[in-house]
């Protein structure tokens, strides 16, 4: 089972990234019996979570321009 590209994640909110995509990938990782595929899915989950955290940081009030 090939892993999916994360490019669709650009348009999702941080909460959607964490709740939907990482949970879906985690469920897939639980079902996979091949260790290398499981590691690839877990790596993708980590990337999605980091991407969500970056989106949250960018959207934080401290980075918004005042004006």
PDB file of N, CA and C in Angstrom:
ATOM      1  N   UNK A   1       0.842  -1.171   0.000  1.00  0.00           N
ATOM      2  CA  UNK A   1       0.000   0.000   0.000  1.00  0.00           C
ATOM      3  C   UNK A   1       0.891   1.240   0.000  1.00  0.00           C
ATOM      4  N   UNK A   2       0.854   2.054  -1.053  1.00  0.00           N
ATOM      5  CA  UNK A   2       1.681   3.257  -1.100  1.00  0.00           C
ATOM      6  C   UNK A   2       1.107   4.348  -0.203  1.00  0.00           C
ATOM      7  N   UNK A   3       2.006   5.165   0.317  1.00  0.00           N
ATOM      8  CA  UNK A   3       1.538   6.273   1.148  1.00  0.00           C
ATOM      9  C   UNK A   3       1.029   7.396   0.266  1.00  0.00           C
ATOM     10  N   UNK A   4       0.155   8.204   0.828  1.00  0.00           N
ATOM     11  CA  UNK A   4      -0.437   9.316   0.080  1.00  0.00           C
ATOM     12  C   UNK A   4       0.450  10.538   0.169  1.00  0.00           C
ATOM     13  N   UNK A   5       0.333  11.405  -0.809  1.00  0.00           N
ATOM     14  CA  UNK A   5       1.048  12.667  -0.775  1.00  0.00           C
ATOM     15  C   UNK A   5       0.323  13.614   0.171  1.00  0.00           C
ATOM     16  N   UNK A   6       1.040  14.535   0.769  1.00  0.00           N
ATOM     17  CA  UNK A   6       0.477  15.441   1.757  1.00  0.00           C
ATOM     18  C   UNK A   6       0.024  16.748   1.107  1.00  0.00           C
ATOM     19  N   UNK A   7       0.180  16.923  -0.183  1.00  0.00           N
ATOM     20  CA  UNK A   7      -0.133  18.190  -0.828  1.00  0.00           C
ATOM     21  C   UNK A   7      -1.546  18.680  -0.547  1.00  0.00           C
ATOM     22  N   UNK A   8      -2.501  17.783  -0.364  1.00  0.00           N
ATOM     23  CA  UNK A   8      -3.876  18.183  -0.051  1.00  0.00           C
ATOM     24  C   UNK A   8      -3.960  18.859   1.307  1.00  0.00           C
ATOM     25  N   UNK A   9      -2.993  18.644   2.157  1.00  0.00           N
ATOM     26  CA  UNK A   9      -3.007  19.193   3.502  1.00  0.00           C
ATOM     27  C   UNK A   9      -2.854  20.707   3.525  1.00  0.00           C
ATOM     28  N   UNK A  10      -2.384  21.296   2.459  1.00  0.00           N
ATOM     29  CA  UNK A  10      -2.186  22.738   2.408  1.00  0.00           C
ATOM     30  C   UNK A  10      -3.483  23.484   2.656  1.00  0.00           C
ATOM     31  N   UNK A  11      -4.582  22.941   2.239  1.00  0.00           N
ATOM     32  CA  UNK A  11      -5.856  23.632   2.307  1.00  0.00           C
ATOM     33  C   UNK A  11      -6.650  23.342   3.574  1.00  0.00           C
ATOM     34  N   UNK A  12      -6.168  22.466   4.410  1.00  0.00           N
ATOM     35  CA  UNK A  12      -6.901  22.093   5.615  1.00  0.00           C
ATOM     36  C   UNK A  12      -6.468  22.931   6.813  1.00  0.00           C
ATOM     37  N   UNK A  13      -7.376  23.112   7.742  1.00  0.00           N
ATOM     38  CA  UNK A  13      -7.061  23.800   8.988  1.00  0.00           C
ATOM     39  C   UNK A  13      -6.224  22.872   9.864  1.00  0.00           C
ATOM     40  N   UNK A  14      -5.544  23.450  10.825  1.00  0.00           N
ATOM     41  CA  UNK A  14      -4.672  22.676  11.707  1.00  0.00           C
ATOM     42  C   UNK A  14      -5.443  21.578  12.438  1.00  0.00           C
ATOM     43  N   UNK A  15      -6.646  21.902  12.905  1.00  0.00           N
ATOM     44  CA  UNK A  15      -7.430  20.888  13.623  1.00  0.00           C
ATOM     45  C   UNK A  15      -7.849  19.760  12.695  1.00  0.00           C
ATOM     46  N   UNK A  16      -8.173  20.093  11.443  1.00  0.00           N
ATOM     47  CA  UNK A  16      -8.539  19.051  10.478  1.00  0.00           C
ATOM     48  C   UNK A  16      -7.354  18.148  10.197  1.00  0.00           C
ATOM     49  N   UNK A  17      -6.188  18.729  10.086  1.00  0.00           N
ATOM     50  CA  UNK A  17      -4.987  17.928   9.850  1.00  0.00           C
ATOM     51  C   UNK A  17      -4.782  16.912  10.958  1.00  0.00           C
ATOM     52  N   UNK A  18      -4.861  17.384  12.185  1.00  0.00           N
ATOM     53  CA  UNK A  18      -4.610  16.479  13.301  1.00  0.00           C
ATOM     54  C   UNK A  18      -5.727  15.474  13.501  1.00  0.00           C
ATOM     55  N   UNK A  19      -6.957  15.934  13.469  1.00  0.00           N
ATOM     56  CA  UNK A  19      -8.073  15.056  13.797  1.00  0.00           C
ATOM     57  C   UNK A  19      -8.378  14.059  12.686  1.00  0.00           C
ATOM     58  N   UNK A  20      -8.473  14.535  11.474  1.00  0.00           N
ATOM     59  CA  UNK A  20      -8.917  13.679  10.383  1.00  0.00           C
ATOM     60  C   UNK A  20      -7.764  12.879   9.792  1.00  0.00           C
ATOM     61  N   UNK A  21      -6.774  13.587   9.262  1.00  0.00           N
ATOM     62  CA  UNK A  21      -5.730  12.886   8.535  1.00  0.00           C
ATOM     63  C   UNK A  21      -4.845  12.026   9.420  1.00  0.00           C
ATOM     64  N   UNK A  22      -4.402  12.571  10.547  1.00  0.00           N
ATOM     65  CA  UNK A  22      -3.522  11.758  11.375  1.00  0.00           C
ATOM     66  C   UNK A  22      -4.260  10.571  11.984  1.00  0.00           C
ATOM     67  N   UNK A  23      -5.545  10.721  12.319  1.00  0.00           N
ATOM     68  CA  UNK A  23      -6.315   9.591  12.847  1.00  0.00           C
ATOM     69  C   UNK A  23      -6.532   8.531  11.772  1.00  0.00           C
ATOM     70  N   UNK A  24      -6.793   8.981  10.541  1.00  0.00           N
ATOM     71  CA  UNK A  24      -6.948   8.017   9.440  1.00  0.00           C
ATOM     72  C   UNK A  24      -5.661   7.241   9.231  1.00  0.00           C
ATOM     73  N   UNK A  25      -4.539   7.946   9.219  1.00  0.00           N
ATOM     74  CA  UNK A  25      -3.251   7.286   9.013  1.00  0.00           C
ATOM     75  C   UNK A  25      -2.921   6.357  10.175  1.00  0.00           C
ATOM     76  N   UNK A  26      -3.270   6.760  11.390  1.00  0.00           N
ATOM     77  CA  UNK A  26      -3.009   5.922  12.548  1.00  0.00           C
ATOM     78  C   UNK A  26      -3.810   4.625  12.469  1.00  0.00           C
ATOM     79  N   UNK A  27      -5.054   4.718  12.024  1.00  0.00           N
ATOM     80  CA  UNK A  27      -5.876   3.524  11.842  1.00  0.00           C
ATOM     81  C   UNK A  27      -5.273   2.621  10.766  1.00  0.00           C
ATOM     82  N   UNK A  28      -4.785   3.236   9.690  1.00  0.00           N
ATOM     83  CA  UNK A  28      -4.132   2.453   8.626  1.00  0.00           C
ATOM     84  C   UNK A  28      -2.880   1.768   9.164  1.00  0.00           C
ATOM     85  N   UNK A  29      -2.099   2.484   9.975  1.00  0.00           N
ATOM     86  CA  UNK A  29      -0.869   1.916  10.524  1.00  0.00           C
ATOM     87  C   UNK A  29      -1.171   0.728  11.426  1.00  0.00           C
ATOM     88  N   UNK A  30      -2.281   0.784  12.151  1.00  0.00           N
ATOM     89  CA  UNK A  30      -2.667  -0.337  13.016  1.00  0.00           C
ATOM     90  C   UNK A  30      -3.023  -1.576  12.209  1.00  0.00           C
ATOM     91  N   UNK A  31      -3.558  -1.369  11.004  1.00  0.00           N
ATOM     92  CA  UNK A  31      -4.000  -2.495  10.181  1.00  0.00           C
ATOM     93  C   UNK A  31      -2.866  -3.120   9.364  1.00  0.00           C
ATOM     94  N   UNK A  32      -1.816  -2.360   9.127  1.00  0.00           N
ATOM     95  CA  UNK A  32      -0.724  -2.823   8.271  1.00  0.00           C
ATOM     96  C   UNK A  32       0.149  -3.810   9.035  1.00  0.00           C
ATOM     97  N   UNK A  33       0.462  -4.925   8.380  1.00  0.00           N
ATOM     98  CA  UNK A  33       1.305  -5.930   9.025  1.00  0.00           C
ATOM     99  C   UNK A  33       2.784  -5.754   8.666  1.00  0.00           C
ATOM    100  N   UNK A  34       3.062  -5.103   7.545  1.00  0.00           N
ATOM    101  CA  UNK A  34       4.443  -4.886   7.104  1.00  0.00           C
ATOM    102  C   UNK A  34       5.077  -3.750   7.913  1.00  0.00           C
ATOM    103  N   UNK A  35       6.217  -4.023   8.507  1.00  0.00           N
ATOM    104  CA  UNK A  35       6.876  -3.036   9.360  1.00  0.00           C
ATOM    105  C   UNK A  35       7.294  -1.779   8.622  1.00  0.00           C
ATOM    106  N   UNK A  36       7.783  -1.923   7.384  1.00  0.00           N
ATOM    107  CA  UNK A  36       8.234  -0.745   6.644  1.00  0.00           C
ATOM    108  C   UNK A  36       7.063   0.153   6.248  1.00  0.00           C
ATOM    109  N   UNK A  37       5.930  -0.447   5.916  1.00  0.00           N
ATOM    110  CA  UNK A  37       4.747   0.357   5.580  1.00  0.00           C
ATOM    111  C   UNK A  37       4.217   1.068   6.820  1.00  0.00           C
ATOM    112  N   UNK A  38       4.250   0.380   7.947  1.00  0.00           N
ATOM    113  CA  UNK A  38       3.803   0.978   9.202  1.00  0.00           C
ATOM    114  C   UNK A  38       4.695   2.160   9.558  1.00  0.00           C
ATOM    115  N   UNK A  39       6.005   2.008   9.410  1.00  0.00           N
ATOM    116  CA  UNK A  39       6.929   3.104   9.689  1.00  0.00           C
ATOM    117  C   UNK A  39       6.683   4.286   8.765  1.00  0.00           C
ATOM    118  N   UNK A  40       6.397   4.010   7.505  1.00  0.00           N
ATOM    119  CA  UNK A  40       6.120   5.084   6.547  1.00  0.00           C
ATOM    120  C   UNK A  40       4.858   5.845   6.945  1.00  0.00           C
ATOM    121  N   UNK A  41       3.828   5.128   7.386  1.00  0.00           N
ATOM    122  CA  UNK A  41       2.596   5.774   7.827  1.00  0.00           C
ATOM    123  C   UNK A  41       2.827   6.591   9.099  1.00  0.00           C
ATOM    124  N   UNK A  42       3.602   6.061  10.032  1.00  0.00           N
ATOM    125  CA  UNK A  42       3.891   6.798  11.252  1.00  0.00           C
ATOM    126  C   UNK A  42       4.721   8.049  10.957  1.00  0.00           C
ATOM    127  N   UNK A  43       5.610   7.952   9.989  1.00  0.00           N
ATOM    128  CA  UNK A  43       6.392   9.116   9.572  1.00  0.00           C
ATOM    129  C   UNK A  43       5.469  10.179   8.968  1.00  0.00           C
ATOM    130  N   UNK A  44       4.513   9.743   8.162  1.00  0.00           N
ATOM    131  CA  UNK A  44       3.549  10.669   7.564  1.00  0.00           C
ATOM    132  C   UNK A  44       2.684  11.337   8.635  1.00  0.00           C
ATOM    133  N   UNK A  45       2.292  10.585   9.657  1.00  0.00           N
ATOM    134  CA  UNK A  45       1.520  11.139  10.768  1.00  0.00           C
ATOM    135  C   UNK A  45       2.324  12.234  11.463  1.00  0.00           C
ATOM    136  N   UNK A  46       3.598  11.971  11.694  1.00  0.00           N
ATOM    137  CA  UNK A  46       4.455  12.974  12.337  1.00  0.00           C
ATOM    138  C   UNK A  46       4.563  14.224  11.480  1.00  0.00           C
ATOM    139  N   UNK A  47       4.676  14.066  10.167  1.00  0.00           N
ATOM    140  CA  UNK A  47       4.739  15.212   9.263  1.00  0.00           C
ATOM    141  C   UNK A  47       3.444  16.013   9.311  1.00  0.00           C
ATOM    142  N   UNK A  48       2.317  15.338   9.326  1.00  0.00           N
ATOM    143  CA  UNK A  48       1.032  16.027   9.384  1.00  0.00           C
ATOM    144  C   UNK A  48       0.884  16.810  10.686  1.00  0.00           C
ATOM    145  N   UNK A  49       1.323  16.218  11.773  1.00  0.00           N
ATOM    146  CA  UNK A  49       1.231  16.909  13.059  1.00  0.00           C
ATOM    147  C   UNK A  49       2.147  18.131  13.106  1.00  0.00           C
ATOM    148  N   UNK A  50       3.356  18.008  12.543  1.00  0.00           N
ATOM    149  CA  UNK A  50       4.260  19.155  12.496  1.00  0.00           C
ATOM    150  C   UNK A  50       3.702  20.248  11.591  1.00  0.00           C
ATOM    151  N   UNK A  51       3.102  19.845  10.501  1.00  0.00           N
ATOM    152  CA  UNK A  51       2.499  20.806   9.585  1.00  0.00           C
ATOM    153  C   UNK A  51       1.343  21.533  10.275  1.00  0.00           C
ATOM    154  N   UNK A  52       0.545  20.821  11.032  1.00  0.00           N
ATOM    155  CA  UNK A  52      -0.562  21.432  11.772  1.00  0.00           C
ATOM    156  C   UNK A  52      -0.024  22.425  12.800  1.00  0.00           C
ATOM    157  N   UNK A  53       1.036  22.059  13.490  1.00  0.00           N
ATOM    158  CA  UNK A  53       1.634  22.954  14.481  1.00  0.00           C
ATOM    159  C   UNK A  53       2.181  24.212  13.802  1.00  0.00           C
ATOM    160  N   UNK A  54       2.790  24.060  12.644  1.00  0.00           N
ATOM    161  CA  UNK A  54       3.300  25.219  11.909  1.00  0.00           C
ATOM    162  C   UNK A  54       2.157  26.132  11.474  1.00  0.00           C
ATOM    163  N   UNK A  55       1.057  25.549  11.015  1.00  0.00           N
ATOM    164  CA  UNK A  55      -0.098  26.361  10.625  1.00  0.00           C
ATOM    165  C   UNK A  55      -0.654  27.120  11.823  1.00  0.00           C
ATOM    166  N   UNK A  56      -0.708  26.457  12.971  1.00  0.00           N
ATOM    167  CA  UNK A  56      -1.195  27.100  14.184  1.00  0.00           C
ATOM    168  C   UNK A  56      -0.288  28.271  14.578  1.00  0.00           C
ATOM    169  N   UNK A  57       1.028  28.073  14.449  1.00  0.00           N
ATOM    170  CA  UNK A  57       1.982  29.124  14.785  1.00  0.00           C
ATOM    171  C   UNK A  57       1.839  30.316  13.837  1.00  0.00           C
ATOM    172  N   UNK A  58       1.695  30.045  12.545  1.00  0.00           N
ATOM    173  CA  UNK A  58       1.551  31.112  11.559  1.00  0.00           C
ATOM    174  C   UNK A  58       0.281  31.909  11.794  1.00  0.00           C
ATOM    175  N   UNK A  59      -0.777  31.239  12.213  1.00  0.00           N
ATOM    176  CA  UNK A  59      -2.064  31.893  12.437  1.00  0.00           C
ATOM    177  C   UNK A  59      -2.164  32.531  13.821  1.00  0.00           C
ATOM    178  N   UNK A  60      -1.105  32.435  14.622  1.00  0.00           N
ATOM    179  CA  UNK A  60      -1.164  32.981  15.985  1.00  0.00           C
ATOM    180  C   UNK A  60      -1.256  34.499  15.964  1.00  0.00           C
ATOM    181  N   UNK A  61      -1.884  35.086  16.978  1.00  0.00           N
ATOM    182  CA  UNK A  61      -2.080  36.535  17.028  1.00  0.00           C
ATOM    183  C   UNK A  61      -0.772  37.320  17.003  1.00  0.00           C
ATOM    184  N   UNK A  62       0.288  36.792  17.525  1.00  0.00           N
ATOM    185  CA  UNK A  62       1.568  37.495  17.547  1.00  0.00           C
ATOM    186  C   UNK A  62       2.154  37.720  16.164  1.00  0.00           C
ATOM    187  N   UNK A  63       1.777  36.916  15.190  1.00  0.00           N
ATOM    188  CA  UNK A  63       2.307  37.058  13.842  1.00  0.00           C
ATOM    189  C   UNK A  63       1.394  37.855  12.916  1.00  0.00           C
ATOM    190  N   UNK A  64       0.205  38.143  13.353  1.00  0.00           N
ATOM    191  CA  UNK A  64      -0.731  38.912  12.525  1.00  0.00           C
ATOM    192  C   UNK A  64      -0.299  40.374  12.485  1.00  0.00           C
ATOM    193  N   UNK A  65      -0.409  40.974  11.315  1.00  0.00           N
ATOM    194  CA  UNK A  65      -0.068  42.397  11.206  1.00  0.00           C
ATOM    195  C   UNK A  65      -1.187  43.251  11.803  1.00  0.00           C
ATOM    196  N   UNK A  66      -0.818  44.322  12.437  1.00  0.00           N
ATOM    197  CA  UNK A  66      -1.819  45.198  13.045  1.00  0.00           C
ATOM    198  C   UNK A  66      -2.123  46.352  12.107  1.00  0.00           C
ATOM    199  N   UNK A  67      -3.120  46.162  11.304  1.00  0.00           N
ATOM    200  CA  UNK A  67      -3.467  47.276  10.446  1.00  0.00           C
ATOM    201  C   UNK A  67      -4.197  46.829   9.300  1.00  0.00           C
TER     202      UNK A  67
END
